[in-house]
Protein backbone atom coordinates (compact mmCIF):
# COMPACT_ATOMS: atom_id res chain seq x y z
CA MET A 1 -93.21 32.98 273.77
CA LEU A 2 -91.77 29.88 275.30
CA ARG A 3 -90.23 31.70 278.24
CA LEU A 4 -93.52 33.36 278.86
CA GLY A 5 -95.20 29.92 278.97
CA ALA A 6 -92.56 28.68 281.41
CA ARG A 7 -93.06 31.83 283.55
CA ILE A 8 -96.75 31.20 283.70
CA ALA A 9 -96.23 27.57 284.67
CA GLU A 10 -93.94 28.67 287.43
CA ILE A 11 -96.68 31.10 288.70
CA GLU A 12 -99.41 28.46 288.58
CA ALA A 13 -97.16 26.00 290.50
CA LEU A 14 -96.38 28.56 293.24
CA TYR A 15 -100.04 29.61 293.55
CA GLY A 16 -101.01 26.07 294.11
CA CYS A 17 -98.37 25.67 296.77
CA VAL A 18 -99.46 28.88 298.51
CA VAL A 19 -103.15 27.68 298.49
CA ASP A 20 -102.06 24.16 299.95
CA GLU A 21 -99.74 25.57 302.53
CA ARG A 22 -100.91 25.27 306.18
CA ASP A 23 -97.78 27.07 307.82
CA GLY A 24 -98.17 30.95 307.87
CA HIS A 25 -94.42 31.64 307.72
CA ALA A 26 -93.98 29.12 304.71
CA ALA A 27 -97.03 30.64 303.10
CA ARG A 28 -95.46 34.20 303.30
CA ARG A 29 -92.18 32.80 301.91
CA LEU A 30 -94.16 31.29 298.90
CA LEU A 31 -95.95 34.51 298.36
CA ALA A 32 -92.75 36.33 298.24
CA GLU A 33 -91.55 33.92 295.52
CA LEU A 34 -94.99 34.29 293.68
CA ALA A 35 -94.44 37.96 293.65
CA ARG A 36 -90.97 37.66 292.30
CA ALA A 37 -92.19 35.21 289.54
CA GLY A 38 -94.90 37.72 288.68
CA ALA A 39 -92.33 40.51 288.35
CA LEU A 40 -90.23 38.35 286.04
CA LEU A 41 -93.28 37.47 283.97
CA ALA A 42 -94.15 41.22 283.65
CA GLU A 43 -90.56 41.94 282.56
CA GLU A 44 -90.55 39.12 279.98
CA ALA A 45 -93.89 40.14 278.54
CA ASP A 46 -92.65 43.63 278.23
CA ARG A 47 -89.58 42.48 276.32
CA ALA A 48 -91.86 40.29 274.08
CA ALA A 49 -94.23 43.20 273.37
CA ARG A 50 -91.42 45.39 272.09
CA PRO A 51 -90.74 45.28 268.28
CA ALA A 52 -87.90 43.22 267.21
CA ARG A 53 -84.74 45.08 266.38
CA GLY A 54 -83.56 44.33 262.86
CA ALA A 55 -81.17 46.00 260.31
CA ALA A 56 -81.84 49.55 259.53
CA GLY A 57 -84.08 49.97 256.51
CA THR A 58 -84.91 46.22 256.28
CA ARG A 59 -88.08 44.48 257.21
CA PRO A 60 -87.88 41.21 258.91
CA GLY A 61 -88.01 38.40 256.51
CA ARG A 62 -86.75 40.35 253.53
CA ALA A 63 -83.33 38.55 253.39
CA ARG A 64 -85.23 35.22 253.09
CA LEU A 65 -87.26 36.64 250.37
CA ARG A 66 -84.32 37.90 248.40
CA ARG A 67 -82.70 34.42 248.71
CA ARG A 68 -85.80 32.75 247.48
CA ILE A 69 -86.04 35.14 244.51
CA ALA A 70 -82.41 34.60 243.60
CA GLY A 71 -82.81 30.81 243.81
CA THR A 72 -85.77 31.04 241.53
CA GLN A 73 -84.03 33.26 239.12
CA ARG A 74 -81.06 30.84 238.87
CA THR A 75 -83.50 27.88 238.37
CA ALA A 76 -85.27 29.78 235.56
CA ASP A 77 -81.88 30.65 233.99
CA ARG A 78 -80.74 26.96 234.09
CA ILE A 79 -83.91 25.87 232.40
CA ILE A 80 -83.80 28.27 229.64
CA SER A 81 -80.09 27.55 229.01
CA ARG A 82 -80.85 23.80 228.75
CA ALA A 83 -83.76 24.21 226.42
CA ALA A 84 -81.63 26.52 224.25
CA ARG A 85 -79.02 23.63 223.93
CA ARG A 86 -81.33 21.05 222.83
CA PRO A 87 -80.79 19.97 219.29
CA ASP A 88 -84.45 18.87 218.54
CA ARG A 89 -85.57 22.51 219.52
CA GLN A 90 -87.60 24.07 216.72
CA ALA A 91 -87.22 27.73 216.45
């Protein structure tokens, strides 16, 4: 998304230059640059619209979820083992 924003800023700047330009030859050159920037924006937007490629059979974010679950399980196991070792524990 940052790249899209940069492309849009480039297009806005070029458009401003075209509007302010008095020389016809320079204006045509700027229009050609504006067209190129528009094409690059279209390509970048097309890439951003495609789904992200991930590992087969896994949804994005699943690895992080698994790590968080494993960390939570370790913490719970540690709490249980400490509680079981306490001498003042009443059964």
